[in-house]
């Protein structure tokens, strides 16, 4: 049984939010969609719960550049 000082494991969604905040991204939440903004870049992530994504899209100057259903790809966009 965990004691009161043990922090529960972060979900994929929470972990991604923490990593992106450290890298200067601003995050907006709209229900199951997280929108990350930094300069002219915008990344939109649609979540299935808090552990898997339905998809993610990357925009630059409001033009869509890429779409993926792979969480590792989205993490790569947000961590570089």
N, C-alpha and C. Protein backbone atom coordinates (compact mmCIF):
# COMPACT_ATOMS: atom_id res chain seq x y z
N UNK A 1 0.84 -1.17 0.00
CA UNK A 1 0.00 0.00 0.00
C UNK A 1 0.89 1.24 0.00
N UNK A 2 0.69 2.17 -0.98
CA UNK A 2 1.52 3.36 -1.03
C UNK A 2 1.22 4.29 0.14
N UNK A 3 2.28 4.95 0.63
CA UNK A 3 2.04 5.91 1.70
C UNK A 3 1.66 7.27 1.11
N UNK A 4 1.33 8.22 1.98
CA UNK A 4 0.82 9.50 1.51
C UNK A 4 1.88 10.36 0.82
N UNK A 5 3.15 10.00 0.93
CA UNK A 5 4.21 10.77 0.28
C UNK A 5 4.52 10.25 -1.12
N UNK A 6 3.98 9.10 -1.49
CA UNK A 6 4.23 8.53 -2.80
C UNK A 6 3.35 9.22 -3.83
N UNK A 7 4.00 9.71 -4.90
CA UNK A 7 3.25 10.36 -5.97
C UNK A 7 2.80 9.29 -6.96
N UNK A 8 1.53 9.30 -7.33
CA UNK A 8 1.08 8.32 -8.32
C UNK A 8 1.81 8.54 -9.66
N UNK A 9 1.92 7.48 -10.42
CA UNK A 9 2.57 7.57 -11.72
C UNK A 9 1.80 8.54 -12.61
N UNK A 10 2.54 9.36 -13.34
CA UNK A 10 1.93 10.29 -14.28
C UNK A 10 1.40 9.53 -15.48
N UNK A 11 0.30 10.00 -16.03
CA UNK A 11 -0.22 9.42 -17.27
C UNK A 11 0.63 9.92 -18.42
N UNK A 12 0.48 9.30 -19.58
CA UNK A 12 1.20 9.76 -20.78
C UNK A 12 0.87 11.23 -21.05
N UNK A 13 -0.40 11.59 -20.90
CA UNK A 13 -0.82 12.96 -21.17
C UNK A 13 -0.15 13.94 -20.20
N UNK A 14 -0.11 13.60 -18.92
CA UNK A 14 0.52 14.47 -17.92
C UNK A 14 2.02 14.56 -18.15
N UNK A 15 2.64 13.43 -18.45
CA UNK A 15 4.08 13.41 -18.68
C UNK A 15 4.45 14.27 -19.89
N UNK A 16 3.67 14.18 -20.95
CA UNK A 16 3.93 14.99 -22.14
C UNK A 16 3.78 16.48 -21.82
N UNK A 17 2.77 16.82 -21.03
CA UNK A 17 2.57 18.23 -20.64
C UNK A 17 3.76 18.76 -19.84
N UNK A 18 4.31 17.94 -18.96
CA UNK A 18 5.45 18.36 -18.15
C UNK A 18 6.70 18.57 -19.01
N UNK A 19 6.95 17.64 -19.92
CA UNK A 19 8.12 17.73 -20.80
C UNK A 19 8.02 18.96 -21.68
N UNK A 20 6.84 19.21 -22.24
CA UNK A 20 6.70 20.34 -23.16
C UNK A 20 6.79 21.68 -22.43
N UNK A 21 6.31 21.74 -21.21
CA UNK A 21 6.43 22.98 -20.43
C UNK A 21 7.90 23.32 -20.21
N UNK A 22 8.72 22.31 -19.97
CA UNK A 22 10.15 22.52 -19.78
C UNK A 22 10.83 23.02 -21.05
N UNK A 23 10.23 22.73 -22.19
CA UNK A 23 10.82 23.12 -23.47
C UNK A 23 10.18 24.37 -24.08
N UNK A 24 9.37 25.05 -23.29
CA UNK A 24 8.83 26.34 -23.72
C UNK A 24 7.53 26.33 -24.48
N UNK A 25 6.85 25.19 -24.52
CA UNK A 25 5.54 25.13 -25.18
C UNK A 25 4.45 25.61 -24.23
N UNK A 26 3.46 26.31 -24.77
CA UNK A 26 2.27 26.69 -24.03
C UNK A 26 1.19 25.67 -24.39
N UNK A 27 0.45 25.21 -23.39
CA UNK A 27 -0.56 24.17 -23.62
C UNK A 27 -1.96 24.70 -23.32
N UNK A 28 -2.86 24.47 -24.25
CA UNK A 28 -4.29 24.74 -24.05
C UNK A 28 -5.02 23.41 -24.10
N UNK A 29 -6.01 23.27 -23.25
CA UNK A 29 -6.78 22.02 -23.19
C UNK A 29 -8.21 22.31 -23.59
N UNK A 30 -8.73 21.52 -24.51
CA UNK A 30 -10.14 21.59 -24.92
C UNK A 30 -10.68 20.17 -24.91
N UNK A 31 -11.23 19.76 -23.76
CA UNK A 31 -11.76 18.42 -23.56
C UNK A 31 -10.67 17.39 -23.79
N UNK A 32 -10.74 16.60 -24.85
CA UNK A 32 -9.73 15.56 -25.07
C UNK A 32 -8.65 15.98 -26.05
N UNK A 33 -8.58 17.27 -26.32
CA UNK A 33 -7.58 17.81 -27.25
C UNK A 33 -6.61 18.72 -26.49
N UNK A 34 -5.32 18.49 -26.68
CA UNK A 34 -4.29 19.39 -26.17
C UNK A 34 -3.69 20.12 -27.36
N UNK A 35 -3.57 21.43 -27.23
CA UNK A 35 -2.98 22.25 -28.28
C UNK A 35 -1.73 22.89 -27.70
N UNK A 36 -0.61 22.60 -28.32
CA UNK A 36 0.68 23.12 -27.88
C UNK A 36 1.12 24.22 -28.84
N UNK A 37 1.53 25.37 -28.28
CA UNK A 37 1.92 26.52 -29.09
C UNK A 37 3.31 26.99 -28.69
N UNK A 38 4.12 27.30 -29.71
CA UNK A 38 5.44 27.89 -29.49
C UNK A 38 5.83 28.60 -30.77
N UNK A 39 5.89 29.94 -30.70
CA UNK A 39 6.19 30.72 -31.90
C UNK A 39 5.14 30.48 -32.97
N UNK A 40 5.60 30.21 -34.20
CA UNK A 40 4.68 29.97 -35.31
C UNK A 40 4.24 28.50 -35.38
N UNK A 41 4.73 27.67 -34.46
CA UNK A 41 4.41 26.24 -34.47
C UNK A 41 3.21 25.95 -33.58
N UNK A 42 2.38 25.01 -34.03
CA UNK A 42 1.24 24.55 -33.25
C UNK A 42 1.11 23.05 -33.46
N UNK A 43 0.95 22.32 -32.37
CA UNK A 43 0.75 20.88 -32.45
C UNK A 43 -0.53 20.55 -31.70
N UNK A 44 -1.40 19.82 -32.36
CA UNK A 44 -2.70 19.46 -31.81
C UNK A 44 -2.73 17.95 -31.59
N UNK A 45 -3.04 17.54 -30.35
CA UNK A 45 -3.04 16.12 -30.00
C UNK A 45 -4.43 15.74 -29.51
N UNK A 46 -5.04 14.74 -30.13
CA UNK A 46 -6.35 14.25 -29.73
C UNK A 46 -6.13 12.95 -28.96
N UNK A 47 -6.61 12.93 -27.73
CA UNK A 47 -6.37 11.81 -26.82
C UNK A 47 -7.54 10.85 -26.75
N UNK A 48 -7.23 9.56 -26.59
CA UNK A 48 -8.19 8.50 -26.22
C UNK A 48 -7.89 8.21 -24.76
N UNK A 49 -8.59 8.84 -23.85
CA UNK A 49 -8.24 8.71 -22.45
C UNK A 49 -6.96 9.49 -22.20
N UNK A 50 -6.14 9.04 -21.24
CA UNK A 50 -4.91 9.76 -20.92
C UNK A 50 -3.65 8.98 -21.27
N UNK A 51 -3.80 7.83 -21.93
CA UNK A 51 -2.64 6.98 -22.22
C UNK A 51 -2.36 6.78 -23.71
N UNK A 52 -3.33 7.05 -24.59
CA UNK A 52 -3.14 6.81 -26.02
C UNK A 52 -3.76 7.97 -26.80
N UNK A 53 -3.22 8.20 -28.00
CA UNK A 53 -3.76 9.27 -28.83
C UNK A 53 -4.57 8.70 -29.99
N UNK A 54 -5.52 9.48 -30.45
CA UNK A 54 -6.23 9.17 -31.69
C UNK A 54 -5.43 9.70 -32.87
N UNK A 55 -4.74 10.83 -32.64
CA UNK A 55 -3.92 11.39 -33.68
C UNK A 55 -3.31 12.71 -33.25
N UNK A 56 -2.35 13.16 -34.03
CA UNK A 56 -1.71 14.44 -33.78
C UNK A 56 -1.38 15.11 -35.09
N UNK A 57 -1.46 16.44 -35.11
CA UNK A 57 -1.13 17.17 -36.32
C UNK A 57 -0.20 18.32 -35.98
N UNK A 58 0.71 18.60 -36.89
CA UNK A 58 1.70 19.66 -36.70
C UNK A 58 1.45 20.74 -37.75
N UNK A 59 1.40 21.97 -37.26
CA UNK A 59 1.14 23.14 -38.11
C UNK A 59 2.28 24.13 -37.98
N UNK A 60 2.53 24.85 -39.04
CA UNK A 60 3.47 25.97 -39.02
C UNK A 60 2.81 27.11 -39.78
N UNK A 61 2.71 28.27 -39.14
CA UNK A 61 2.01 29.42 -39.74
C UNK A 61 0.61 29.03 -40.23
N UNK A 62 -0.09 28.25 -39.43
CA UNK A 62 -1.46 27.80 -39.68
C UNK A 62 -1.63 26.84 -40.85
N UNK A 63 -0.54 26.40 -41.47
CA UNK A 63 -0.62 25.40 -42.52
C UNK A 63 -0.22 24.04 -41.95
N UNK A 64 -1.07 23.02 -42.17
CA UNK A 64 -0.76 21.70 -41.64
C UNK A 64 0.41 21.09 -42.41
N UNK A 65 1.40 20.61 -41.66
CA UNK A 65 2.57 20.00 -42.27
C UNK A 65 2.53 18.48 -42.21
N UNK A 66 2.09 17.94 -41.05
CA UNK A 66 2.11 16.49 -40.89
C UNK A 66 0.97 16.04 -39.99
N UNK A 67 0.58 14.78 -40.18
CA UNK A 67 -0.41 14.13 -39.31
C UNK A 67 0.13 12.75 -38.97
N UNK A 68 -0.12 12.30 -37.75
CA UNK A 68 0.30 10.96 -37.34
C UNK A 68 -0.66 10.40 -36.30
N UNK A 69 -0.64 9.09 -36.18
CA UNK A 69 -1.36 8.41 -35.10
C UNK A 69 -0.38 7.79 -34.11
N UNK A 70 0.89 8.12 -34.26
CA UNK A 70 1.95 7.54 -33.46
C UNK A 70 2.38 8.52 -32.36
N UNK A 71 2.20 8.13 -31.10
CA UNK A 71 2.54 8.99 -29.97
C UNK A 71 4.04 9.33 -29.96
N UNK A 72 4.89 8.39 -30.32
CA UNK A 72 6.33 8.65 -30.34
C UNK A 72 6.68 9.75 -31.34
N UNK A 73 6.00 9.81 -32.46
CA UNK A 73 6.23 10.87 -33.45
C UNK A 73 5.83 12.22 -32.87
N UNK A 74 4.68 12.27 -32.21
CA UNK A 74 4.22 13.53 -31.60
C UNK A 74 5.22 13.98 -30.52
N UNK A 75 5.69 13.04 -29.71
CA UNK A 75 6.69 13.39 -28.71
C UNK A 75 7.94 13.96 -29.37
N UNK A 76 8.33 13.40 -30.49
CA UNK A 76 9.50 13.92 -31.21
C UNK A 76 9.28 15.35 -31.67
N UNK A 77 8.10 15.66 -32.18
CA UNK A 77 7.81 17.03 -32.60
C UNK A 77 7.94 18.00 -31.43
N UNK A 78 7.48 17.57 -30.27
CA UNK A 78 7.41 18.45 -29.11
C UNK A 78 8.71 18.54 -28.31
N UNK A 79 9.62 17.64 -28.55
CA UNK A 79 10.85 17.64 -27.76
C UNK A 79 12.07 18.12 -28.55
N UNK A 80 11.89 18.48 -29.79
CA UNK A 80 13.02 19.00 -30.57
C UNK A 80 12.94 20.48 -30.73
